[in-house]
Amino acid sequence: MANGWVVRFGCAVATGALLVTGCTSGAGEQAATPPPQARATGSAAPSPSTAVDIDPGKLPTTAARATALIRDVIAQPAAFGPDTERDTPYESDPRRWAVLRKNCVWEQQALPKDVLATLTRHYEVPAGGGKGPILLTAVVTAHRTAEQADWENAEVLEEMMRCPSQLLRAGEVLSNLTDVPTALGDDGITYADDVLTEMGEYTSDEAGGPHAYVWSQTRIGPFTVAVSAKGSKGWSRTDLFDRLRQPHADMRGRLAGAIERGTAAASPSASASTTAKDTR
């Protein structure tokens, strides 16, 4: 979904306990992802581990509660820097999310039954100082179970193996994407159950290109938290990662504080969301 999208290189990558195999030298279709009912009972299903001691009583069980919690976790524009503004539209509809179709085009669809709610916010750093604008997103998604959230990560890897180029919307393309999956305990990862980091190129009718594009998603229990940045003239890949690092860490911290044992119960807000838009 950043929100959103990806081509991963290599002939075997792992996320959780799921091994996804295949090469990305072409755009041919890989084996179809099993339907939700098959995922729940299949022997190849991931076995999520956990970086946070989650209190089951603090996990939302309804769409309304999940949406409220997400709103308390997701970043405000200032988190990305004092020069960051709301993009238009600013928020997505938490009842919908982006799906990569077989033709490698992203489109909005109703949430599947295993997702309680999701919210994407869009931000912009305006052009200035000889640099073009950059477009940023933050996405938080609440699944019903940790296993289902783990499958979201696995599906991202499958999507990149079958779609080496992806159309975000008319006039916006991602290409030459690579993805690195990392599990809890690997490379010093202690703050999330799984991490997906993506790098590639972004081209648009407005910004030209190709320019740097980065995306990072972490899973904590049944939640995924993602951030992305689409660059333009004057912005390096390092610049984009620097913009995303602290907001991503802050969202993870707020989420952990809301659901872990021994912390005060959160009092999530209940403000409404607005217009739908793709997650990346």
C-alpha atoms as a PDB file:
ATOM      1  CA  MET A   1       0.000   0.000   0.000  1.00  0.00           C
ATOM      2  CA  ALA A   2       3.106   4.362   0.750  1.00  0.00           C
ATOM      3  CA  ASN A   3       1.223   4.841   1.789  1.00  0.00           C
ATOM      4  CA  GLY A   4       1.864   2.843  -0.201  1.00  0.00           C
ATOM      5  CA  TRP A   5       4.875   0.104  -3.483  1.00  0.00           C
ATOM      6  CA  VAL A   6       7.752  -1.500  -4.590  1.00  0.00           C
ATOM      7  CA  VAL A   7      10.004  -3.703  -6.694  1.00  0.00           C
ATOM      8  CA  ARG A   8      12.388  -5.897  -4.736  1.00  0.00           C
ATOM      9  CA  PHE A   9      15.463  -7.502  -6.262  1.00  0.00           C
ATOM     10  CA  GLY A  10      16.770 -10.984  -5.507  1.00  0.00           C
ATOM     11  CA  CYS A  11      15.504 -14.519  -5.898  1.00  0.00           C
ATOM     12  CA  ALA A  12      14.574 -15.151  -2.272  1.00  0.00           C
ATOM     13  CA  VAL A  13      13.560 -12.816   0.522  1.00  0.00           C
ATOM     14  CA  ALA A  14      12.033 -13.539   3.899  1.00  0.00           C
ATOM     15  CA  THR A  15       9.627 -11.658   6.126  1.00  0.00           C
ATOM     16  CA  GLY A  16       8.690 -13.186   9.452  1.00  0.00           C
ATOM     17  CA  ALA A  17       8.514 -16.951   8.830  1.00  0.00           C
ATOM     18  CA  LEU A  18       7.264 -16.560   5.249  1.00  0.00           C
ATOM     19  CA  LEU A  19       9.705 -17.193   2.404  1.00  0.00           C
ATOM     20  CA  VAL A  20       8.788 -15.485  -0.852  1.00  0.00           C
ATOM     21  CA  THR A  21      10.707 -16.767  -3.870  1.00  0.00           C
ATOM     22  CA  GLY A  22      11.067 -15.525  -7.402  1.00  0.00           C
ATOM     23  CA  CYS A  23      13.266 -13.263  -9.543  1.00  0.00           C
ATOM     24  CA  THR A  24      12.575  -9.712 -10.647  1.00  0.00           C
ATOM     25  CA  SER A  25      14.256  -9.744 -14.030  1.00  0.00           C
ATOM     26  CA  GLY A  26      10.869  -9.481 -15.713  1.00  0.00           C
ATOM     27  CA  ALA A  27       7.326  -8.321 -15.033  1.00  0.00           C
ATOM     28  CA  GLY A  28       5.747 -11.782 -15.145  1.00  0.00           C
ATOM     29  CA  GLU A  29       3.093 -12.719 -12.586  1.00  0.00           C
ATOM     30  CA  GLN A  30       4.137 -14.645  -9.497  1.00  0.00           C
ATOM     31  CA  ALA A  31       1.933 -17.107  -7.661  1.00  0.00           C
ATOM     32  CA  ALA A  32      -1.223 -15.490  -6.365  1.00  0.00           C
ATOM     33  CA  THR A  33      -1.420 -14.493  -2.716  1.00  0.00           C
ATOM     34  CA  PRO A  34      -3.661 -16.887  -0.770  1.00  0.00           C
ATOM     35  CA  PRO A  35      -7.079 -15.505   0.170  1.00  0.00           C
ATOM     36  CA  PRO A  36      -7.647 -14.351   3.775  1.00  0.00           C
ATOM     37  CA  GLN A  37      -9.361 -17.573   4.791  1.00  0.00           C
ATOM     38  CA  ALA A  38      -6.420 -19.609   3.512  1.00  0.00           C
ATOM     39  CA  ARG A  39      -3.935 -17.362   5.313  1.00  0.00           C
ATOM     40  CA  ALA A  40      -5.531 -18.059   8.677  1.00  0.00           C
ATOM     41  CA  THR A  41      -5.094 -21.828   8.424  1.00  0.00           C
ATOM     42  CA  GLY A  42      -2.252 -22.432   5.934  1.00  0.00           C
ATOM     43  CA  SER A  43       0.883 -24.127   7.227  1.00  0.00           C
ATOM     44  CA  ALA A  44       3.093 -21.460   5.594  1.00  0.00           C
ATOM     45  CA  ALA A  45       1.569 -18.577   7.562  1.00  0.00           C
ATOM     46  CA  PRO A  46       4.024 -16.242   9.309  1.00  0.00           C
ATOM     47  CA  SER A  47       4.605 -16.592  13.033  1.00  0.00           C
ATOM     48  CA  PRO A  48       4.796 -13.002  14.299  1.00  0.00           C
ATOM     49  CA  SER A  49       7.175 -12.183  17.116  1.00  0.00           C
ATOM     50  CA  THR A  50       6.770  -9.065  19.187  1.00  0.00           C
ATOM     51  CA  ALA A  51       9.041  -6.156  20.136  1.00  0.00           C
ATOM     52  CA  VAL A  52       6.459  -4.661  22.514  1.00  0.00           C
ATOM     53  CA  ASP A  53       4.845  -6.387  25.501  1.00  0.00           C
ATOM     54  CA  ILE A  54       1.324  -5.773  24.242  1.00  0.00           C
ATOM     55  CA  ASP A  55      -1.647  -5.654  26.601  1.00  0.00           C
ATOM     56  CA  PRO A  56      -4.466  -7.387  24.662  1.00  0.00           C
ATOM     57  CA  GLY A  57      -6.999  -5.272  26.540  1.00  0.00           C
ATOM     58  CA  LYS A  58      -5.562  -2.121  24.968  1.00  0.00           C
ATOM     59  CA  LEU A  59      -5.906  -3.301  21.371  1.00  0.00           C
ATOM     60  CA  PRO A  60      -8.873  -1.829  19.469  1.00  0.00           C
ATOM     61  CA  THR A  61     -11.537  -4.299  18.391  1.00  0.00           C
ATOM     62  CA  THR A  62     -13.769  -1.938  16.386  1.00  0.00           C
ATOM     63  CA  ALA A  63     -13.147   0.337  13.417  1.00  0.00           C
ATOM     64  CA  ALA A  64     -14.085   3.418  15.448  1.00  0.00           C
ATOM     65  CA  ARG A  65     -11.611   2.671  18.228  1.00  0.00           C
ATOM     66  CA  ALA A  66      -8.881   1.733  15.750  1.00  0.00           C
ATOM     67  CA  THR A  67      -9.384   4.987  13.852  1.00  0.00           C
ATOM     68  CA  ALA A  68      -9.238   7.021  17.058  1.00  0.00           C
ATOM     69  CA  LEU A  69      -6.018   5.324  18.156  1.00  0.00           C
ATOM     70  CA  ILE A  70      -4.464   5.821  14.729  1.00  0.00           C
ATOM     71  CA  ARG A  71      -5.239   9.549  14.934  1.00  0.00           C
ATOM     72  CA  ASP A  72      -3.362   9.774  18.221  1.00  0.00           C
ATOM     73  CA  VAL A  73      -0.341   8.004  16.709  1.00  0.00           C
ATOM     74  CA  ILE A  74       0.009   9.518  13.225  1.00  0.00           C
ATOM     75  CA  ALA A  75       2.347  12.481  12.708  1.00  0.00           C
ATOM     76  CA  GLN A  76       1.471  16.150  12.421  1.00  0.00           C
ATOM     77  CA  PRO A  77       3.223  18.171   9.658  1.00  0.00           C
ATOM     78  CA  ALA A  78       5.659  19.847  12.084  1.00  0.00           C
ATOM     79  CA  ALA A  79       7.116  16.425  12.925  1.00  0.00           C
ATOM     80  CA  PHE A  80       8.865  16.460   9.528  1.00  0.00           C
ATOM     81  CA  GLY A  81      10.336  19.924  10.069  1.00  0.00           C
ATOM     82  CA  PRO A  82       9.102  23.489  10.578  1.00  0.00           C
ATOM     83  CA  ASP A  83       8.956  24.066   6.808  1.00  0.00           C
ATOM     84  CA  THR A  84       6.531  21.170   6.249  1.00  0.00           C
ATOM     85  CA  GLU A  85       2.930  21.918   5.290  1.00  0.00           C
ATOM     86  CA  ARG A  86      -0.247  19.941   4.748  1.00  0.00           C
ATOM     87  CA  ASP A  87      -0.622  18.665   1.204  1.00  0.00           C
ATOM     88  CA  THR A  88      -4.040  18.632  -0.495  1.00  0.00           C
ATOM     89  CA  PRO A  89      -5.908  16.445   0.220  1.00  0.00           C
ATOM     90  CA  TYR A  90      -4.370  16.051   3.654  1.00  0.00           C
ATOM     91  CA  GLU A  91      -5.993  12.812   4.802  1.00  0.00           C
ATOM     92  CA  SER A  92      -7.296   9.589   3.334  1.00  0.00           C
ATOM     93  CA  ASP A  93     -10.536   7.815   4.159  1.00  0.00           C
ATOM     94  CA  PRO A  94      -9.761   5.251   6.939  1.00  0.00           C
ATOM     95  CA  ARG A  95     -12.317   2.889   5.388  1.00  0.00           C
ATOM     96  CA  ARG A  96     -10.226   2.500   2.206  1.00  0.00           C
ATOM     97  CA  TRP A  97      -6.649   1.691   1.207  1.00  0.00           C
ATOM     98  CA  ALA A  98      -4.530   1.414  -1.924  1.00  0.00           C
ATOM     99  CA  VAL A  99      -4.283  -1.912  -3.768  1.00  0.00           C
ATOM    100  CA  LEU A 100      -1.782  -2.781  -6.513  1.00  0.00           C
ATOM    101  CA  ARG A 101      -3.695  -4.319  -9.402  1.00  0.00           C
ATOM    102  CA  LYS A 102      -2.374  -6.997 -11.764  1.00  0.00           C
ATOM    103  CA  ASN A 103      -1.565  -4.263 -14.295  1.00  0.00           C
ATOM    104  CA  CYS A 104       0.777  -2.656 -11.703  1.00  0.00           C
ATOM    105  CA  VAL A 105      -1.483   0.369 -11.193  1.00  0.00           C
ATOM    106  CA  TRP A 106      -2.478   1.479  -7.686  1.00  0.00           C
ATOM    107  CA  GLU A 107      -6.125   2.168  -6.893  1.00  0.00           C
ATOM    108  CA  GLN A 108      -8.261   2.757  -3.815  1.00  0.00           C
ATOM    109  CA  GLN A 109     -10.523  -0.055  -2.609  1.00  0.00           C
ATOM    110  CA  ALA A 110     -12.629  -0.795   0.450  1.00  0.00           C
ATOM    111  CA  LEU A 111     -10.697  -2.248   3.368  1.00  0.00           C
ATOM    112  CA  PRO A 112     -10.556  -6.044   3.563  1.00  0.00           C
ATOM    113  CA  LYS A 113     -12.169  -7.706   6.579  1.00  0.00           C
ATOM    114  CA  ASP A 114      -8.825  -8.251   8.318  1.00  0.00           C
ATOM    115  CA  VAL A 115      -8.139  -4.480   8.507  1.00  0.00           C
ATOM    116  CA  LEU A 116      -9.950  -2.411  11.149  1.00  0.00           C
ATOM    117  CA  ALA A 117      -8.805   0.999   9.892  1.00  0.00           C
ATOM    118  CA  THR A 118      -6.018   2.845   8.125  1.00  0.00           C
ATOM    119  CA  LEU A 119      -5.133   6.496   7.716  1.00  0.00           C
ATOM    120  CA  THR A 120      -2.712   8.266   5.392  1.00  0.00           C
ATOM    121  CA  ARG A 121      -1.605  11.852   5.783  1.00  0.00           C
ATOM    122  CA  HIS A 122       0.101  13.806   3.000  1.00  0.00           C
ATOM    123  CA  TYR A 123       2.608  16.590   3.576  1.00  0.00           C
ATOM    124  CA  GLU A 124       4.765  18.865   1.422  1.00  0.00           C
ATOM    125  CA  VAL A 125       8.036  20.703   1.883  1.00  0.00           C
ATOM    126  CA  PRO A 126       7.652  23.636  -0.551  1.00  0.00           C
ATOM    127  CA  ALA A 127      10.315  24.510  -3.100  1.00  0.00           C
ATOM    128  CA  GLY A 128      12.941  26.968  -1.929  1.00  0.00           C
ATOM    129  CA  GLY A 129      16.653  27.633  -1.729  1.00  0.00           C
ATOM    130  CA  GLY A 130      17.251  26.246  -5.194  1.00  0.00           C
ATOM    131  CA  LYS A 131      15.525  22.956  -4.369  1.00  0.00           C
ATOM    132  CA  GLY A 132      12.227  21.602  -5.605  1.00  0.00           C
ATOM    133  CA  PRO A 133       9.386  20.432  -3.321  1.00  0.00           C
ATOM    134  CA  ILE A 134       9.310  17.045  -1.639  1.00  0.00           C
ATOM    135  CA  LEU A 135       6.145  15.053  -0.957  1.00  0.00           C
ATOM    136  CA  LEU A 136       5.867  13.096   2.287  1.00  0.00           C
ATOM    137  CA  THR A 137       3.356  10.610   3.677  1.00  0.00           C
ATOM    138  CA  ALA A 138       2.678   8.836   6.962  1.00  0.00           C
ATOM    139  CA  VAL A 139       0.441   5.764   7.153  1.00  0.00           C
ATOM    140  CA  VAL A 140      -0.819   3.819  10.175  1.00  0.00           C
ATOM    141  CA  THR A 141      -2.890   0.660   9.713  1.00  0.00           C
ATOM    142  CA  ALA A 142      -4.636  -1.455  12.361  1.00  0.00           C
ATOM    143  CA  HIS A 143      -5.204  -5.125  11.538  1.00  0.00           C
ATOM    144  CA  ARG A 144      -7.308  -7.468  13.609  1.00  0.00           C
ATOM    145  CA  THR A 145      -4.323  -9.732  14.374  1.00  0.00           C
ATOM    146  CA  ALA A 146      -0.527  -9.578  14.268  1.00  0.00           C
ATOM    147  CA  GLU A 147      -0.503 -12.454  11.799  1.00  0.00           C
ATOM    148  CA  GLN A 148      -2.630 -10.449   9.362  1.00  0.00           C
ATOM    149  CA  ALA A 149      -0.307  -7.457   9.691  1.00  0.00           C
ATOM    150  CA  ASP A 150       2.628  -9.769   8.960  1.00  0.00           C
ATOM    151  CA  TRP A 151       0.870 -10.864   5.788  1.00  0.00           C
ATOM    152  CA  GLU A 152       0.649  -7.231   4.696  1.00  0.00           C
ATOM    153  CA  ASN A 153       4.455  -7.091   4.722  1.00  0.00           C
ATOM    154  CA  ALA A 154       4.690 -10.387   2.855  1.00  0.00           C
ATOM    155  CA  GLU A 155       2.320  -9.118   0.160  1.00  0.00           C
ATOM    156  CA  VAL A 156       4.470  -6.010  -0.331  1.00  0.00           C
ATOM    157  CA  LEU A 157       7.399  -8.263  -1.229  1.00  0.00           C
ATOM    158  CA  GLU A 158       5.282 -10.255  -3.670  1.00  0.00           C
ATOM    159  CA  GLU A 159       4.036  -7.065  -5.311  1.00  0.00           C
ATOM    160  CA  MET A 160       7.536  -5.895  -6.038  1.00  0.00           C
ATOM    161  CA  MET A 161       8.568  -9.156  -7.606  1.00  0.00           C
ATOM    162  CA  ARG A 162       5.714  -8.991 -10.101  1.00  0.00           C
ATOM    163  CA  CYS A 163       5.729  -5.233 -10.770  1.00  0.00           C
ATOM    164  CA  PRO A 164       9.168  -3.728 -11.501  1.00  0.00           C
ATOM    165  CA  SER A 165       7.438  -0.437 -12.369  1.00  0.00           C
ATOM    166  CA  GLN A 166       4.311   0.901 -10.666  1.00  0.00           C
ATOM    167  CA  LEU A 167       1.904   3.689 -11.588  1.00  0.00           C
ATOM    168  CA  LEU A 168       0.810   5.633  -8.504  1.00  0.00           C
ATOM    169  CA  ARG A 169      -1.703   7.736 -10.411  1.00  0.00           C
ATOM    170  CA  ALA A 170      -1.748   9.526 -13.770  1.00  0.00           C
ATOM    171  CA  GLY A 171       1.613  11.201 -14.284  1.00  0.00           C
ATOM    172  CA  GLU A 172       3.396   9.599 -11.298  1.00  0.00           C
ATOM    173  CA  VAL A 173       5.602   6.506 -11.590  1.00  0.00           C
ATOM    174  CA  LEU A 174       7.898   4.562  -9.254  1.00  0.00           C
ATOM    175  CA  SER A 175      10.730   2.561 -10.813  1.00  0.00           C
ATOM    176  CA  ASN A 176      14.034   0.781 -10.096  1.00  0.00           C
ATOM    177  CA  LEU A 177      12.821  -0.077  -6.607  1.00  0.00           C
ATOM    178  CA  THR A 178      14.700  -2.278  -4.170  1.00  0.00           C
ATOM    179  CA  ASP A 179      13.484  -3.471  -0.790  1.00  0.00           C
ATOM    180  CA  VAL A 180      15.269  -4.757   2.307  1.00  0.00           C
ATOM    181  CA  PRO A 181      13.218  -6.770   4.856  1.00  0.00           C
ATOM    182  CA  THR A 182      14.580  -7.018   8.407  1.00  0.00           C
ATOM    183  CA  ALA A 183      13.105  -9.001  11.302  1.00  0.00           C
ATOM    184  CA  LEU A 184      13.202  -8.390  15.044  1.00  0.00           C
ATOM    185  CA  GLY A 185      16.712  -9.141  16.330  1.00  0.00           C
ATOM    186  CA  ASP A 186      18.426  -8.740  12.947  1.00  0.00           C
ATOM    187  CA  ASP A 187      20.898  -5.871  12.454  1.00  0.00           C
ATOM    188  CA  GLY A 188      20.142  -4.560  15.922  1.00  0.00           C
ATOM    189  CA  ILE A 189      16.399  -4.142  15.290  1.00  0.00           C
ATOM    190  CA  THR A 190      14.670  -4.064  18.688  1.00  0.00           C
ATOM    191  CA  TYR A 191      11.919  -1.468  18.170  1.00  0.00           C
ATOM    192  CA  ALA A 192       9.661  -3.385  15.753  1.00  0.00           C
ATOM    193  CA  ASP A 193       8.670  -6.922  14.851  1.00  0.00           C
ATOM    194  CA  ASP A 194       9.495  -6.389  11.175  1.00  0.00           C
ATOM    195  CA  VAL A 195      10.976  -3.578   9.099  1.00  0.00           C
ATOM    196  CA  LEU A 196      10.718  -3.008   5.333  1.00  0.00           C
ATOM    197  CA  THR A 197      12.919  -0.332   3.761  1.00  0.00           C
ATOM    198  CA  GLU A 198      12.470   0.670   0.131  1.00  0.00           C
ATOM    199  CA  MET A 199      14.544   2.822  -2.202  1.00  0.00           C
ATOM    200  CA  GLY A 200      13.979   3.740  -5.821  1.00  0.00           C
ATOM    201  CA  GLU A 201      13.162   6.493  -8.273  1.00  0.00           C
ATOM    202  CA  TYR A 202      10.164   8.790  -8.603  1.00  0.00           C
ATOM    203  CA  THR A 203       9.119  10.526 -11.806  1.00  0.00           C
ATOM    204  CA  SER A 204       6.160  12.852 -12.273  1.00  0.00           C
ATOM    205  CA  ASP A 205       4.809  15.260 -14.843  1.00  0.00           C
ATOM    206  CA  GLU A 206       5.270  18.131 -12.375  1.00  0.00           C
ATOM    207  CA  ALA A 207       8.641  17.284 -10.800  1.00  0.00           C
ATOM    208  CA  GLY A 208      10.263  15.563 -13.775  1.00  0.00           C
ATOM    209  CA  GLY A 209      12.879  13.072 -12.784  1.00  0.00           C
ATOM    210  CA  PRO A 210      13.876  10.500 -11.991  1.00  0.00           C
ATOM    211  CA  HIS A 211      14.368  11.685  -8.411  1.00  0.00           C
ATOM    212  CA  ALA A 212      15.069   9.813  -5.171  1.00  0.00           C
ATOM    213  CA  TYR A 213      12.216   7.925  -3.526  1.00  0.00           C
ATOM    214  CA  VAL A 214      12.281   6.189  -0.117  1.00  0.00           C
ATOM    215  CA  TRP A 215       9.700   4.321   1.965  1.00  0.00           C
ATOM    216  CA  SER A 216       9.938   2.555   5.313  1.00  0.00           C
ATOM    217  CA  GLN A 217       7.364   0.431   7.124  1.00  0.00           C
ATOM    218  CA  THR A 218       7.529  -1.172  10.556  1.00  0.00           C
ATOM    219  CA  ARG A 219       5.180  -3.681  12.154  1.00  0.00           C
ATOM    220  CA  ILE A 220       4.387  -3.736  15.872  1.00  0.00           C
ATOM    221  CA  GLY A 221       1.892  -6.476  16.708  1.00  0.00           C
ATOM    222  CA  PRO A 222      -1.245  -5.941  14.592  1.00  0.00           C
ATOM    223  CA  PHE A 223      -0.180  -2.440  13.466  1.00  0.00           C
ATOM    224  CA  THR A 224       1.945  -1.216  10.579  1.00  0.00           C
ATOM    225  CA  VAL A 225       3.476   2.270  10.589  1.00  0.00           C
ATOM    226  CA  ALA A 226       4.953   3.672   7.375  1.00  0.00           C
ATOM    227  CA  VAL A 227       6.521   6.866   6.045  1.00  0.00           C
ATOM    228  CA  SER A 228       7.611   7.813   2.534  1.00  0.00           C
ATOM    229  CA  ALA A 229       9.262  10.669   0.664  1.00  0.00           C
ATOM    230  CA  LYS A 230       9.227  11.585  -3.045  1.00  0.00           C
ATOM    231  CA  GLY A 231      12.140  13.825  -3.939  1.00  0.00           C
ATOM    232  CA  SER A 232      12.748  16.451  -6.602  1.00  0.00           C
ATOM    233  CA  LYS A 233      15.587  18.691  -7.758  1.00  0.00           C
ATOM    234  CA  GLY A 234      18.288  19.126  -5.127  1.00  0.00           C
ATOM    235  CA  TRP A 235      17.198  16.379  -2.720  1.00  0.00           C
ATOM    236  CA  SER A 236      19.397  13.313  -2.147  1.00  0.00           C
ATOM    237  CA  ARG A 237      18.260   9.964  -0.840  1.00  0.00           C
ATOM    238  CA  THR A 238      20.057  10.728   2.420  1.00  0.00           C
ATOM    239  CA  ASP A 239      18.105  13.991   2.727  1.00  0.00           C
ATOM    240  CA  LEU A 240      14.835  12.079   2.410  1.00  0.00           C
ATOM    241  CA  PHE A 241      15.786   9.474   5.012  1.00  0.00           C
ATOM    242  CA  ASP A 242      16.773  12.285   7.377  1.00  0.00           C
ATOM    243  CA  ARG A 243      13.295  13.810   6.990  1.00  0.00           C
ATOM    244  CA  LEU A 244      11.568  10.514   7.777  1.00  0.00           C
ATOM    245  CA  ARG A 245      13.670   9.109  10.606  1.00  0.00           C
ATOM    246  CA  GLN A 246      12.381  11.048  13.610  1.00  0.00           C
ATOM    247  CA  PRO A 247       8.666  11.179  12.663  1.00  0.00           C
ATOM    248  CA  HIS A 248       8.736   7.419  12.103  1.00  0.00           C
ATOM    249  CA  ALA A 249      10.389   6.822  15.495  1.00  0.00           C
ATOM    250  CA  ASP A 250       7.939   9.162  17.240  1.00  0.00           C
ATOM    251  CA  MET A 251       4.913   7.338  15.780  1.00  0.00           C
ATOM    252  CA  ARG A 252       6.311   3.989  16.868  1.00  0.00           C
ATOM    253  CA  GLY A 253       6.845   5.365  20.352  1.00  0.00           C
ATOM    254  CA  ARG A 254       3.295   6.707  20.635  1.00  0.00           C
ATOM    255  CA  LEU A 255       1.889   3.421  19.392  1.00  0.00           C
ATOM    256  CA  ALA A 256       3.942   1.374  21.855  1.00  0.00           C
ATOM    257  CA  GLY A 257       2.899   3.658  24.699  1.00  0.00           C
ATOM    258  CA  ALA A 258      -0.761   3.182  23.816  1.00  0.00           C
ATOM    259  CA  ILE A 259      -0.766  -0.631  23.671  1.00  0.00           C
ATOM    260  CA  GLU A 260       1.973  -1.981  25.929  1.00  0.00           C
ATOM    261  CA  ARG A 261       1.465  -3.384  29.415  1.00  0.00           C
ATOM    262  CA  GLY A 262       2.043  -1.132  32.382  1.00  0.00           C
ATOM    263  CA  THR A 263       1.216   2.146  30.631  1.00  0.00           C
ATOM    264  CA  ALA A 264      -1.781   4.349  31.242  1.00  0.00           C
ATOM    265  CA  ALA A 265      -4.744   3.679  28.995  1.00  0.00           C
ATOM    266  CA  ALA A 266      -4.864   6.029  26.008  1.00  0.00           C
ATOM    267  CA  SER A 267      -7.763   8.408  25.429  1.00  0.00           C
ATOM    268  CA  PRO A 268      -7.856   8.491  21.625  1.00  0.00           C
ATOM    269  CA  SER A 269      -9.444  11.388  19.791  1.00  0.00           C
ATOM    270  CA  ALA A 270     -12.437  10.849  17.537  1.00  0.00           C
ATOM    271  CA  SER A 271     -12.084  13.486  14.838  1.00  0.00           C
ATOM    272  CA  ALA A 272     -13.353  12.588  11.384  1.00  0.00           C
ATOM    273  CA  SER A 273     -11.178  11.939   8.333  1.00  0.00           C
ATOM    274  CA  THR A 274     -11.483  13.479   4.908  1.00  0.00           C
ATOM    275  CA  THR A 275     -10.793  12.789   1.254  1.00  0.00           C
ATOM    276  CA  ALA A 276      -9.309   9.510   0.020  1.00  0.00           C
ATOM    277  CA  LYS A 277      -5.974   9.378  -1.754  1.00  0.00           C
ATOM    278  CA  ASP A 278      -3.347   6.738  -2.576  1.00  0.00           C
ATOM    279  CA  THR A 279      -1.013   5.820   0.260  1.00  0.00           C
ATOM    280  CA  ARG A 280       2.283   6.591  -1.424  1.00  0.00           C
END
